[in-house]
Amino acid sequence: MGTGDFWGNEAPVGRLAEKLGLPVAYVTDTDLHADPRLLDGATAVLSLGHDEYYSEAMWGALVAARDRQRTNLAFLGANAMYRHIPLGPAPIGPDRLETDYKDASIDPMLKTNPR
């Protein structure tokens, strides 16, 4: 449990890419949030499943890679980048708790950063 749709969406494509000998790397959304230069050198980023929850840092890292080094971005699942999320601390570490305000009017960020 906790893998979401990984085994149905991402794992088969990863196995195929590896079988074909393509150079691949795997990162999580929180990896991307923690290190905005993580995509340096990437020629493409594939988002394969329901990848709807993004922090501003995650979104910014993808856009920067696209603009800085012309990294190709492909979103092949539903609701890509559909909702903004803040990350907060959790018992397992910093920036591990994703909060999704389904009603934007109750998101505290609305007052300081309405974008």
PDB file of N, CA and C in Angstrom:
ATOM      1  N   MET A   1       0.847  -1.176   0.000  1.00  0.00           N
ATOM      2  CA  MET A   1       0.000   0.000   0.000  1.00  0.00           C
ATOM      3  C   MET A   1       0.892   1.238   0.000  1.00  0.00           C
ATOM      4  N   GLY A   2       0.340   2.319  -0.467  1.00  0.00           N
ATOM      5  CA  GLY A   2       1.110   3.553  -0.535  1.00  0.00           C
ATOM      6  C   GLY A   2       1.770   3.767  -1.879  1.00  0.00           C
ATOM      7  N   THR A   3       1.645   2.805  -2.764  1.00  0.00           N
ATOM      8  CA  THR A   3       2.258   2.963  -4.080  1.00  0.00           C
ATOM      9  C   THR A   3       1.329   3.633  -5.078  1.00  0.00           C
ATOM     10  N   GLY A   4       0.098   3.898  -4.657  1.00  0.00           N
ATOM     11  CA  GLY A   4      -0.857   4.524  -5.572  1.00  0.00           C
ATOM     12  C   GLY A   4      -1.033   3.677  -6.821  1.00  0.00           C
ATOM     13  N   ASP A   5      -0.903   4.309  -7.962  1.00  0.00           N
ATOM     14  CA  ASP A   5      -1.061   3.616  -9.243  1.00  0.00           C
ATOM     15  C   ASP A   5       0.272   3.193  -9.848  1.00  0.00           C
ATOM     16  N   PHE A   6       1.336   3.183  -9.041  1.00  0.00           N
ATOM     17  CA  PHE A   6       2.678   2.901  -9.554  1.00  0.00           C
ATOM     18  C   PHE A   6       2.750   1.590 -10.339  1.00  0.00           C
ATOM     19  N   TRP A   7       2.241   0.500  -9.763  1.00  0.00           N
ATOM     20  CA  TRP A   7       2.387  -0.805 -10.418  1.00  0.00           C
ATOM     21  C   TRP A   7       1.593  -0.890 -11.714  1.00  0.00           C
ATOM     22  N   GLY A   8       0.509  -0.143 -11.832  1.00  0.00           N
ATOM     23  CA  GLY A   8      -0.291  -0.196 -13.055  1.00  0.00           C
ATOM     24  C   GLY A   8       0.105   0.831 -14.097  1.00  0.00           C
ATOM     25  N   ASN A   9       0.648   1.969 -13.660  1.00  0.00           N
ATOM     26  CA  ASN A   9       0.948   3.056 -14.601  1.00  0.00           C
ATOM     27  C   ASN A   9       2.439   3.202 -14.910  1.00  0.00           C
ATOM     28  N   GLU A  10       3.249   3.324 -13.896  1.00  0.00           N
ATOM     29  CA  GLU A  10       4.660   3.629 -14.109  1.00  0.00           C
ATOM     30  C   GLU A  10       5.539   2.396 -14.322  1.00  0.00           C
ATOM     31  N   ALA A  11       5.353   1.365 -13.497  1.00  0.00           N
ATOM     32  CA  ALA A  11       6.251   0.204 -13.539  1.00  0.00           C
ATOM     33  C   ALA A  11       6.337  -0.459 -14.921  1.00  0.00           C
ATOM     34  N   PRO A  12       5.229  -0.684 -15.629  1.00  0.00           N
ATOM     35  CA  PRO A  12       5.352  -1.329 -16.943  1.00  0.00           C
ATOM     36  C   PRO A  12       6.173  -0.510 -17.943  1.00  0.00           C
ATOM     37  N   VAL A  13       6.017   0.800 -17.912  1.00  0.00           N
ATOM     38  CA  VAL A  13       6.775   1.643 -18.839  1.00  0.00           C
ATOM     39  C   VAL A  13       8.250   1.654 -18.449  1.00  0.00           C
ATOM     40  N   GLY A  14       8.526   1.701 -17.153  1.00  0.00           N
ATOM     41  CA  GLY A  14       9.918   1.642 -16.693  1.00  0.00           C
ATOM     42  C   GLY A  14      10.587   0.342 -17.104  1.00  0.00           C
ATOM     43  N   ARG A  15       9.879  -0.779 -16.935  1.00  0.00           N
ATOM     44  CA  ARG A  15      10.443  -2.078 -17.344  1.00  0.00           C
ATOM     45  C   ARG A  15      10.711  -2.107 -18.843  1.00  0.00           C
ATOM     46  N   LEU A  16       9.796  -1.553 -19.633  1.00  0.00           N
ATOM     47  CA  LEU A  16       9.988  -1.530 -21.083  1.00  0.00           C
ATOM     48  C   LEU A  16      11.197  -0.667 -21.451  1.00  0.00           C
ATOM     49  N   ALA A  17      11.306   0.511 -20.863  1.00  0.00           N
ATOM     50  CA  ALA A  17      12.429   1.410 -21.163  1.00  0.00           C
ATOM     51  C   ALA A  17      13.761   0.740 -20.820  1.00  0.00           C
ATOM     52  N   GLU A  18      13.805   0.072 -19.680  1.00  0.00           N
ATOM     53  CA  GLU A  18      15.031  -0.621 -19.293  1.00  0.00           C
ATOM     54  C   GLU A  18      15.335  -1.776 -20.240  1.00  0.00           C
ATOM     55  N   LYS A  19      14.315  -2.509 -20.638  1.00  0.00           N
ATOM     56  CA  LYS A  19      14.495  -3.627 -21.577  1.00  0.00           C
ATOM     57  C   LYS A  19      15.046  -3.137 -22.912  1.00  0.00           C
ATOM     58  N   LEU A  20      14.598  -1.946 -23.338  1.00  0.00           N
ATOM     59  CA  LEU A  20      15.077  -1.360 -24.596  1.00  0.00           C
ATOM     60  C   LEU A  20      16.450  -0.719 -24.468  1.00  0.00           C
ATOM     61  N   GLY A  21      16.981  -0.674 -23.243  1.00  0.00           N
ATOM     62  CA  GLY A  21      18.304  -0.102 -23.026  1.00  0.00           C
ATOM     63  C   GLY A  21      18.324   1.421 -22.993  1.00  0.00           C
ATOM     64  N   LEU A  22      17.176   2.048 -22.774  1.00  0.00           N
ATOM     65  CA  LEU A  22      17.129   3.506 -22.714  1.00  0.00           C
ATOM     66  C   LEU A  22      17.713   3.989 -21.384  1.00  0.00           C
ATOM     67  N   PRO A  23      18.400   5.123 -21.397  1.00  0.00           N
ATOM     68  CA  PRO A  23      18.925   5.655 -20.129  1.00  0.00           C
ATOM     69  C   PRO A  23      17.777   6.264 -19.325  1.00  0.00           C
ATOM     70  N   VAL A  24      17.498   5.700 -18.172  1.00  0.00           N
ATOM     71  CA  VAL A  24      16.381   6.180 -17.361  1.00  0.00           C
ATOM     72  C   VAL A  24      16.844   6.490 -15.940  1.00  0.00           C
ATOM     73  N   ALA A  25      16.107   7.366 -15.315  1.00  0.00           N
ATOM     74  CA  ALA A  25      16.277   7.670 -13.890  1.00  0.00           C
ATOM     75  C   ALA A  25      14.878   7.842 -13.327  1.00  0.00           C
ATOM     76  N   TYR A  26      14.729   7.554 -12.062  1.00  0.00           N
ATOM     77  CA  TYR A  26      13.423   7.622 -11.426  1.00  0.00           C
ATOM     78  C   TYR A  26      13.488   8.594 -10.265  1.00  0.00           C
ATOM     79  N   VAL A  27      12.521   9.488 -10.186  1.00  0.00           N
ATOM     80  CA  VAL A  27      12.443  10.438  -9.077  1.00  0.00           C
ATOM     81  C   VAL A  27      10.998  10.525  -8.601  1.00  0.00           C
ATOM     82  N   THR A  28      10.844  10.942  -7.360  1.00  0.00           N
ATOM     83  CA  THR A  28       9.506  11.162  -6.816  1.00  0.00           C
ATOM     84  C   THR A  28       9.200  12.653  -6.849  1.00  0.00           C
ATOM     85  N   ASP A  29       7.946  12.974  -6.592  1.00  0.00           N
ATOM     86  CA  ASP A  29       7.566  14.386  -6.545  1.00  0.00           C
ATOM     87  C   ASP A  29       8.315  15.122  -5.432  1.00  0.00           C
ATOM     88  N   THR A  30       8.501  14.465  -4.291  1.00  0.00           N
ATOM     89  CA  THR A  30       9.204  15.146  -3.199  1.00  0.00           C
ATOM     90  C   THR A  30      10.692  15.303  -3.508  1.00  0.00           C
ATOM     91  N   ASP A  31      11.274  14.400  -4.307  1.00  0.00           N
ATOM     92  CA  ASP A  31      12.654  14.588  -4.767  1.00  0.00           C
ATOM     93  C   ASP A  31      12.742  15.865  -5.593  1.00  0.00           C
ATOM     94  N   LEU A  32      11.795  16.039  -6.486  1.00  0.00           N
ATOM     95  CA  LEU A  32      11.772  17.212  -7.365  1.00  0.00           C
ATOM     96  C   LEU A  32      11.556  18.485  -6.561  1.00  0.00           C
ATOM     97  N   HIS A  33      10.717  18.419  -5.542  1.00  0.00           N
ATOM     98  CA  HIS A  33      10.484  19.574  -4.671  1.00  0.00           C
ATOM     99  C   HIS A  33      11.774  19.953  -3.934  1.00  0.00           C
ATOM    100  N   ALA A  34      12.502  18.957  -3.441  1.00  0.00           N
ATOM    101  CA  ALA A  34      13.700  19.208  -2.634  1.00  0.00           C
ATOM    102  C   ALA A  34      14.877  19.708  -3.460  1.00  0.00           C
ATOM    103  N   ASP A  35      14.960  19.310  -4.710  1.00  0.00           N
ATOM    104  CA  ASP A  35      16.120  19.662  -5.536  1.00  0.00           C
ATOM    105  C   ASP A  35      15.668  20.130  -6.908  1.00  0.00           C
ATOM    106  N   PRO A  36      15.477  21.438  -7.086  1.00  0.00           N
ATOM    107  CA  PRO A  36      14.965  21.940  -8.360  1.00  0.00           C
ATOM    108  C   PRO A  36      15.908  21.717  -9.545  1.00  0.00           C
ATOM    109  N   ARG A  37      17.191  21.393  -9.283  1.00  0.00           N
ATOM    110  CA  ARG A  37      18.129  21.126 -10.382  1.00  0.00           C
ATOM    111  C   ARG A  37      18.238  19.628 -10.673  1.00  0.00           C
ATOM    112  N   LEU A  38      17.364  18.839 -10.084  1.00  0.00           N
ATOM    113  CA  LEU A  38      17.394  17.393 -10.250  1.00  0.00           C
ATOM    114  C   LEU A  38      17.274  16.974 -11.714  1.00  0.00           C
ATOM    115  N   LEU A  39      16.627  17.783 -12.518  1.00  0.00           N
ATOM    116  CA  LEU A  39      16.399  17.432 -13.920  1.00  0.00           C
ATOM    117  C   LEU A  39      17.512  17.909 -14.846  1.00  0.00           C
ATOM    118  N   ASP A  40      18.562  18.489 -14.290  1.00  0.00           N
ATOM    119  CA  ASP A  40      19.679  18.928 -15.133  1.00  0.00           C
ATOM    120  C   ASP A  40      20.205  17.739 -15.940  1.00  0.00           C
ATOM    121  N   GLY A  41      20.303  17.911 -17.222  1.00  0.00           N
ATOM    122  CA  GLY A  41      20.786  16.858 -18.100  1.00  0.00           C
ATOM    123  C   GLY A  41      19.694  15.946 -18.633  1.00  0.00           C
ATOM    124  N   ALA A  42      18.489  16.059 -18.118  1.00  0.00           N
ATOM    125  CA  ALA A  42      17.402  15.208 -18.596  1.00  0.00           C
ATOM    126  C   ALA A  42      16.941  15.670 -19.973  1.00  0.00           C
ATOM    127  N   THR A  43      16.787  14.735 -20.885  1.00  0.00           N
ATOM    128  CA  THR A  43      16.267  15.094 -22.204  1.00  0.00           C
ATOM    129  C   THR A  43      14.749  15.032 -22.245  1.00  0.00           C
ATOM    130  N   ALA A  44      14.171  14.261 -21.312  1.00  0.00           N
ATOM    131  CA  ALA A  44      12.717  14.147 -21.263  1.00  0.00           C
ATOM    132  C   ALA A  44      12.266  13.785 -19.853  1.00  0.00           C
ATOM    133  N   VAL A  45      11.051  14.188 -19.529  1.00  0.00           N
ATOM    134  CA  VAL A  45      10.393  13.796 -18.291  1.00  0.00           C
ATOM    135  C   VAL A  45       9.047  13.209 -18.689  1.00  0.00           C
ATOM    136  N   LEU A  46       8.787  12.001 -18.223  1.00  0.00           N
ATOM    137  CA  LEU A  46       7.507  11.358 -18.484  1.00  0.00           C
ATOM    138  C   LEU A  46       6.729  11.258 -17.183  1.00  0.00           C
ATOM    139  N   SER A  47       5.537  11.779 -17.189  1.00  0.00           N
ATOM    140  CA  SER A  47       4.604  11.607 -16.085  1.00  0.00           C
ATOM    141  C   SER A  47       3.550  10.634 -16.595  1.00  0.00           C
ATOM    142  N   LEU A  48       3.484   9.464 -15.971  1.00  0.00           N
ATOM    143  CA  LEU A  48       2.705   8.384 -16.572  1.00  0.00           C
ATOM    144  C   LEU A  48       1.351   8.136 -15.937  1.00  0.00           C
ATOM    145  N   GLY A  49       1.158   8.525 -14.709  1.00  0.00           N
ATOM    146  CA  GLY A  49      -0.097   8.197 -14.037  1.00  0.00           C
ATOM    147  C   GLY A  49      -0.842   9.437 -13.610  1.00  0.00           C
ATOM    148  N   HIS A  50      -1.664   9.265 -12.627  1.00  0.00           N
ATOM    149  CA  HIS A  50      -2.386  10.403 -12.053  1.00  0.00           C
ATOM    150  C   HIS A  50      -1.397  11.231 -11.264  1.00  0.00           C
ATOM    151  N   ASP A  51      -0.931  12.292 -11.857  1.00  0.00           N
ATOM    152  CA  ASP A  51       0.132  13.123 -11.297  1.00  0.00           C
ATOM    153  C   ASP A  51      -0.423  14.517 -11.058  1.00  0.00           C
ATOM    154  N   GLU A  52      -1.496  14.582 -10.258  1.00  0.00           N
ATOM    155  CA  GLU A  52      -2.212  15.854 -10.176  1.00  0.00           C
ATOM    156  C   GLU A  52      -1.720  16.825  -9.130  1.00  0.00           C
ATOM    157  N   TYR A  53      -0.948  16.399  -8.149  1.00  0.00           N
ATOM    158  CA  TYR A  53      -0.615  17.266  -7.011  1.00  0.00           C
ATOM    159  C   TYR A  53       0.815  17.785  -7.128  1.00  0.00           C
ATOM    160  N   TYR A  54       0.977  19.103  -7.254  1.00  0.00           N
ATOM    161  CA  TYR A  54       2.289  19.714  -7.422  1.00  0.00           C
ATOM    162  C   TYR A  54       2.458  20.911  -6.503  1.00  0.00           C
ATOM    163  N   SER A  55       3.619  21.001  -5.890  1.00  0.00           N
ATOM    164  CA  SER A  55       3.981  22.208  -5.154  1.00  0.00           C
ATOM    165  C   SER A  55       4.501  23.224  -6.172  1.00  0.00           C
ATOM    166  N   GLU A  56       4.608  24.454  -5.736  1.00  0.00           N
ATOM    167  CA  GLU A  56       5.141  25.478  -6.628  1.00  0.00           C
ATOM    168  C   GLU A  56       6.567  25.138  -7.044  1.00  0.00           C
ATOM    169  N   ALA A  57       7.362  24.567  -6.128  1.00  0.00           N
ATOM    170  CA  ALA A  57       8.748  24.196  -6.440  1.00  0.00           C
ATOM    171  C   ALA A  57       8.805  23.076  -7.485  1.00  0.00           C
ATOM    172  N   MET A  58       7.903  22.114  -7.396  1.00  0.00           N
ATOM    173  CA  MET A  58       7.868  21.018  -8.376  1.00  0.00           C
ATOM    174  C   MET A  58       7.554  21.564  -9.763  1.00  0.00           C
ATOM    175  N   TRP A  59       6.518  22.373  -9.815  1.00  0.00           N
ATOM    176  CA  TRP A  59       6.105  22.974 -11.094  1.00  0.00           C
ATOM    177  C   TRP A  59       7.242  23.818 -11.658  1.00  0.00           C
ATOM    178  N   GLY A  60       7.857  24.641 -10.794  1.00  0.00           N
ATOM    179  CA  GLY A  60       8.950  25.502 -11.229  1.00  0.00           C
ATOM    180  C   GLY A  60      10.139  24.721 -11.764  1.00  0.00           C
ATOM    181  N   ALA A  61      10.451  23.579 -11.155  1.00  0.00           N
ATOM    182  CA  ALA A  61      11.574  22.756 -11.612  1.00  0.00           C
ATOM    183  C   ALA A  61      11.315  22.216 -13.018  1.00  0.00           C
ATOM    184  N   LEU A  62      10.090  21.788 -13.277  1.00  0.00           N
ATOM    185  CA  LEU A  62       9.760  21.277 -14.614  1.00  0.00           C
ATOM    186  C   LEU A  62       9.826  22.379 -15.664  1.00  0.00           C
ATOM    187  N   VAL A  63       9.249  23.511 -15.350  1.00  0.00           N
ATOM    188  CA  VAL A  63       9.255  24.628 -16.301  1.00  0.00           C
ATOM    189  C   VAL A  63      10.688  25.108 -16.552  1.00  0.00           C
ATOM    190  N   ALA A  64      11.490  25.182 -15.501  1.00  0.00           N
ATOM    191  CA  ALA A  64      12.881  25.623 -15.653  1.00  0.00           C
ATOM    192  C   ALA A  64      13.670  24.645 -16.530  1.00  0.00           C
ATOM    193  N   ALA A  65      13.487  23.347 -16.330  1.00  0.00           N
ATOM    194  CA  ALA A  65      14.190  22.363 -17.157  1.00  0.00           C
ATOM    195  C   ALA A  65      13.761  22.490 -18.615  1.00  0.00           C
ATOM    196  N   ARG A  66      12.476  22.692 -18.821  1.00  0.00           N
ATOM    197  CA  ARG A  66      11.968  22.870 -20.188  1.00  0.00           C
ATOM    198  C   ARG A  66      12.580  24.103 -20.841  1.00  0.00           C
ATOM    199  N   ASP A  67      12.604  25.206 -20.110  1.00  0.00           N
ATOM    200  CA  ASP A  67      13.068  26.466 -20.680  1.00  0.00           C
ATOM    201  C   ASP A  67      14.592  26.560 -20.751  1.00  0.00           C
ATOM    202  N   ARG A  68      15.285  26.030 -19.746  1.00  0.00           N
ATOM    203  CA  ARG A  68      16.742  26.170 -19.662  1.00  0.00           C
ATOM    204  C   ARG A  68      17.459  25.221 -20.611  1.00  0.00           C
ATOM    205  N   GLN A  69      17.009  23.981 -20.674  1.00  0.00           N
ATOM    206  CA  GLN A  69      17.752  22.998 -21.467  1.00  0.00           C
ATOM    207  C   GLN A  69      16.871  22.264 -22.466  1.00  0.00           C
ATOM    208  N   ARG A  70      15.680  22.790 -22.666  1.00  0.00           N
ATOM    209  CA  ARG A  70      14.757  22.235 -23.652  1.00  0.00           C
ATOM    210  C   ARG A  70      14.391  20.777 -23.343  1.00  0.00           C
ATOM    211  N   THR A  71      14.231  20.460 -22.053  1.00  0.00           N
ATOM    212  CA  THR A  71      13.772  19.137 -21.652  1.00  0.00           C
ATOM    213  C   THR A  71      12.345  18.943 -22.138  1.00  0.00           C
ATOM    214  N   ASN A  72      12.087  17.831 -22.778  1.00  0.00           N
ATOM    215  CA  ASN A  72      10.738  17.507 -23.233  1.00  0.00           C
ATOM    216  C   ASN A  72       9.911  17.045 -22.045  1.00  0.00           C
ATOM    217  N   LEU A  73       8.670  17.496 -21.961  1.00  0.00           N
ATOM    218  CA  LEU A  73       7.756  17.112 -20.889  1.00  0.00           C
ATOM    219  C   LEU A  73       6.554  16.409 -21.510  1.00  0.00           C
ATOM    220  N   ALA A  74       6.231  15.233 -20.979  1.00  0.00           N
ATOM    221  CA  ALA A  74       5.066  14.487 -21.473  1.00  0.00           C
ATOM    222  C   ALA A  74       4.241  14.034 -20.278  1.00  0.00           C
ATOM    223  N   PHE A  75       2.983  14.431 -20.262  1.00  0.00           N
ATOM    224  CA  PHE A  75       2.046  14.042 -19.207  1.00  0.00           C
ATOM    225  C   PHE A  75       1.023  13.115 -19.837  1.00  0.00           C
ATOM    226  N   LEU A  76       1.097  11.844 -19.501  1.00  0.00           N
ATOM    227  CA  LEU A  76       0.290  10.829 -20.163  1.00  0.00           C
ATOM    228  C   LEU A  76      -0.863  10.320 -19.310  1.00  0.00           C
ATOM    229  N   GLY A  77      -1.060  10.890 -18.140  1.00  0.00           N
ATOM    230  CA  GLY A  77      -2.154  10.487 -17.260  1.00  0.00           C
ATOM    231  C   GLY A  77      -3.193  11.582 -17.169  1.00  0.00           C
ATOM    232  N   ALA A  78      -4.139  11.381 -16.297  1.00  0.00           N
ATOM    233  CA  ALA A  78      -5.230  12.341 -16.129  1.00  0.00           C
ATOM    234  C   ALA A  78      -4.885  13.399 -15.089  1.00  0.00           C
ATOM    235  N   ASN A  79      -5.479  14.564 -15.223  1.00  0.00           N
ATOM    236  CA  ASN A  79      -5.383  15.647 -14.237  1.00  0.00           C
ATOM    237  C   ASN A  79      -3.957  16.092 -13.929  1.00  0.00           C
ATOM    238  N   ALA A  80      -3.076  16.095 -14.891  1.00  0.00           N
ATOM    239  CA  ALA A  80      -1.691  16.487 -14.649  1.00  0.00           C
ATOM    240  C   ALA A  80      -1.627  17.911 -14.104  1.00  0.00           C
ATOM    241  N   MET A  81      -0.889  18.059 -13.018  1.00  0.00           N
ATOM    242  CA  MET A  81      -0.697  19.362 -12.368  1.00  0.00           C
ATOM    243  C   MET A  81      -2.026  20.046 -12.091  1.00  0.00           C
ATOM    244  N   TYR A  82      -2.974  19.299 -11.652  1.00  0.00           N
ATOM    245  CA  TYR A  82      -4.333  19.793 -11.469  1.00  0.00           C
ATOM    246  C   TYR A  82      -4.491  20.628 -10.207  1.00  0.00           C
ATOM    247  N   ARG A  83      -3.770  20.276  -9.144  1.00  0.00           N
ATOM    248  CA  ARG A  83      -3.941  20.968  -7.867  1.00  0.00           C
ATOM    249  C   ARG A  83      -2.612  21.391  -7.273  1.00  0.00           C
ATOM    250  N   HIS A  84      -2.591  22.603  -6.721  1.00  0.00           N
ATOM    251  CA  HIS A  84      -1.430  23.105  -5.991  1.00  0.00           C
ATOM    252  C   HIS A  84      -1.450  22.528  -4.582  1.00  0.00           C
ATOM    253  N   ILE A  85      -0.288  22.067  -4.117  1.00  0.00           N
ATOM    254  CA  ILE A  85      -0.189  21.544  -2.759  1.00  0.00           C
ATOM    255  C   ILE A  85       0.975  22.198  -2.030  1.00  0.00           C
ATOM    256  N   PRO A  86       0.801  22.520  -0.767  1.00  0.00           N
ATOM    257  CA  PRO A  86       1.955  22.863   0.058  1.00  0.00           C
ATOM    258  C   PRO A  86       2.475  21.573   0.705  1.00  0.00           C
ATOM    259  N   LEU A  87       3.764  21.534   0.955  1.00  0.00           N
ATOM    260  CA  LEU A  87       4.362  20.406   1.667  1.00  0.00           C
ATOM    261  C   LEU A  87       4.751  20.861   3.062  1.00  0.00           C
ATOM    262  N   GLY A  88       4.541  19.995   4.027  1.00  0.00           N
ATOM    263  CA  GLY A  88       4.880  20.316   5.404  1.00  0.00           C
ATOM    264  C   GLY A  88       5.617  19.167   6.063  1.00  0.00           C
ATOM    265  N   PRO A  89       6.072  19.389   7.285  1.00  0.00           N
ATOM    266  CA  PRO A  89       6.817  18.337   7.988  1.00  0.00           C
ATOM    267  C   PRO A  89       5.904  17.200   8.429  1.00  0.00           C
ATOM    268  N   ALA A  90       6.487  16.025   8.518  1.00  0.00           N
ATOM    269  CA  ALA A  90       5.799  14.821   8.992  1.00  0.00           C
ATOM    270  C   ALA A  90       6.797  14.037   9.842  1.00  0.00           C
ATOM    271  N   PRO A  91       6.339  13.058  10.585  1.00  0.00           N
ATOM    272  CA  PRO A  91       7.261  12.272  11.414  1.00  0.00           C
ATOM    273  C   PRO A  91       8.411  11.632  10.629  1.00  0.00           C
ATOM    274  N   ILE A  92       8.220  11.392   9.333  1.00  0.00           N
ATOM    275  CA  ILE A  92       9.285  10.763   8.556  1.00  0.00           C
ATOM    276  C   ILE A  92      10.230  11.761   7.903  1.00  0.00           C
ATOM    277  N   GLY A  93       9.994  13.060   8.085  1.00  0.00           N
ATOM    278  CA  GLY A  93      10.922  14.046   7.549  1.00  0.00           C
ATOM    279  C   GLY A  93      10.243  15.327   7.105  1.00  0.00           C
ATOM    280  N   PRO A  94      11.073  16.315   6.728  1.00  0.00           N
ATOM    281  CA  PRO A  94      10.527  17.589   6.253  1.00  0.00           C
ATOM    282  C   PRO A  94       9.903  17.428   4.863  1.00  0.00           C
ATOM    283  N   ASP A  95       8.951  18.268   4.563  1.00  0.00           N
ATOM    284  CA  ASP A  95       8.323  18.291   3.238  1.00  0.00           C
ATOM    285  C   ASP A  95       7.803  16.919   2.810  1.00  0.00           C
ATOM    286  N   ARG A  96       7.200  16.185   3.739  1.00  0.00           N
ATOM    287  CA  ARG A  96       6.653  14.862   3.416  1.00  0.00           C
ATOM    288  C   ARG A  96       5.133  14.824   3.511  1.00  0.00           C
ATOM    289  N   LEU A  97       4.515  15.852   4.095  1.00  0.00           N
ATOM    290  CA  LEU A  97       3.063  15.893   4.247  1.00  0.00           C
ATOM    291  C   LEU A  97       2.479  16.779   3.147  1.00  0.00           C
ATOM    292  N   GLU A  98       1.719  16.166   2.245  1.00  0.00           N
ATOM    293  CA  GLU A  98       1.074  16.920   1.174  1.00  0.00           C
ATOM    294  C   GLU A  98      -0.331  17.280   1.620  1.00  0.00           C
ATOM    295  N   THR A  99      -0.669  18.571   1.535  1.00  0.00           N
ATOM    296  CA  THR A  99      -2.007  19.029   1.891  1.00  0.00           C
ATOM    297  C   THR A  99      -2.686  19.535   0.632  1.00  0.00           C
ATOM    298  N   ASP A 100      -3.888  19.056   0.398  1.00  0.00           N
ATOM    299  CA  ASP A 100      -4.648  19.454  -0.779  1.00  0.00           C
ATOM    300  C   ASP A 100      -5.927  20.135  -0.325  1.00  0.00           C
ATOM    301  N   TYR A 101      -6.028  21.423  -0.592  1.00  0.00           N
ATOM    302  CA  TYR A 101      -7.257  22.168  -0.289  1.00  0.00           C
ATOM    303  C   TYR A 101      -8.165  22.067  -1.503  1.00  0.00           C
ATOM    304  N   LYS A 102      -9.150  21.190  -1.450  1.00  0.00           N
ATOM    305  CA  LYS A 102     -10.063  21.011  -2.587  1.00  0.00           C
ATOM    306  C   LYS A 102     -10.895  22.266  -2.829  1.00  0.00           C
ATOM    307  N   ASP A 103     -11.019  23.087  -1.791  1.00  0.00           N
ATOM    308  CA  ASP A 103     -11.701  24.372  -1.892  1.00  0.00           C
ATOM    309  C   ASP A 103     -10.633  25.450  -1.732  1.00  0.00           C
ATOM    310  N   ALA A 104     -10.266  26.105  -2.813  1.00  0.00           N
ATOM    311  CA  ALA A 104      -9.175  27.079  -2.782  1.00  0.00           C
ATOM    312  C   ALA A 104      -9.425  28.225  -1.808  1.00  0.00           C
ATOM    313  N   SER A 105     -10.675  28.516  -1.505  1.00  0.00           N
ATOM    314  CA  SER A 105     -10.971  29.640  -0.613  1.00  0.00           C
ATOM    315  C   SER A 105     -10.500  29.382   0.819  1.00  0.00           C
ATOM    316  N   ILE A 106     -10.244  28.127   1.192  1.00  0.00           N
ATOM    317  CA  ILE A 106      -9.764  27.855   2.553  1.00  0.00           C
ATOM    318  C   ILE A 106      -8.247  27.621   2.603  1.00  0.00           C
ATOM    319  N   ASP A 107      -7.586  27.706   1.476  1.00  0.00           N
ATOM    320  CA  ASP A 107      -6.130  27.557   1.426  1.00  0.00           C
ATOM    321  C   ASP A 107      -5.491  28.816   2.003  1.00  0.00           C
ATOM    322  N   PRO A 108      -4.710  28.717   3.097  1.00  0.00           N
ATOM    323  CA  PRO A 108      -4.107  29.911   3.694  1.00  0.00           C
ATOM    324  C   PRO A 108      -3.172  30.648   2.742  1.00  0.00           C
ATOM    325  N   MET A 109      -2.644  29.972   1.739  1.00  0.00           N
ATOM    326  CA  MET A 109      -1.749  30.623   0.788  1.00  0.00           C
ATOM    327  C   MET A 109      -2.485  31.643  -0.075  1.00  0.00           C
ATOM    328  N   LEU A 110      -3.785  31.517  -0.184  1.00  0.00           N
ATOM    329  CA  LEU A 110      -4.572  32.436  -0.989  1.00  0.00           C
ATOM    330  C   LEU A 110      -4.355  33.884  -0.583  1.00  0.00           C
ATOM    331  N   LYS A 111      -4.148  34.110   0.715  1.00  0.00           N
ATOM    332  CA  LYS A 111      -3.949  35.483   1.211  1.00  0.00           C
ATOM    333  C   LYS A 111      -2.595  36.048   0.841  1.00  0.00           C
ATOM    334  N   THR A 112      -1.541  35.210   0.826  1.00  0.00           N
ATOM    335  CA  THR A 112      -0.198  35.701   0.556  1.00  0.00           C
ATOM    336  C   THR A 112       0.274  35.493  -0.864  1.00  0.00           C
ATOM    337  N   ASN A 113      -0.297  34.504  -1.555  1.00  0.00           N
ATOM    338  CA  ASN A 113       0.126  34.200  -2.921  1.00  0.00           C
ATOM    339  C   ASN A 113      -1.088  33.695  -3.709  1.00  0.00           C
ATOM    340  N   PRO A 114      -1.985  34.561  -4.123  1.00  0.00           N
ATOM    341  CA  PRO A 114      -3.208  34.110  -4.773  1.00  0.00           C
ATOM    342  C   PRO A 114      -2.965  33.393  -6.105  1.00  0.00           C
ATOM    343  N   ARG A 115      -1.809  33.574  -6.703  1.00  0.00           N
ATOM    344  CA  ARG A 115      -1.490  32.876  -7.951  1.00  0.00           C
ATOM    345  C   ARG A 115      -1.500  31.385  -7.695  1.00  0.00           C
TER     346      ARG A 115
END
